[in-house]
Amino acid sequence: QFEEAAKFFQQTLELLRAGAGGPDAPREAEVLAQLGVAMQSNDDAPAAVRAYLEAVNLAPELHACHANLAMLFGYLKQEQEAVAHINAALNLDPTNDSYLRVQASLGLTTGSGGRKRS
């Protein structure tokens, strides 16, 4: 099911990138975000990371992608990247309980209640 979704999102990206209307970064970023979800659901962390990174490069305001990157980088034991992305997510949506839980689960909170910086 997720493999089919990933193929669909990859085909959609190809169509967007080949479109005659020129670049459409916001739409491309959203498709990349969905591709990241599909790849993450397929347990393909490297492909999910690539998709999410490309999405946030096009649209840095996609806080959910930053949070997903933080979880993936935490899983991959890349703490500096995890810190950077959970901080980015929380800077965009500072009261998001899910992001605060991700931060805590990664052990990235400081004793003073602030955020650990990279």
Foldseek 3Di string as FASTA:
>chain_A
DLVVLLVVLVVVLVCQPPDPVDHDLQVNLVSLQSNLVSCVVVVNLVSSLVSLVSSCVSPVLPLVSLLVQLLSCLVVVNNQSNLVSLVSSCVNVVVPPVSVVSCVVSVQADPVRDGHHD
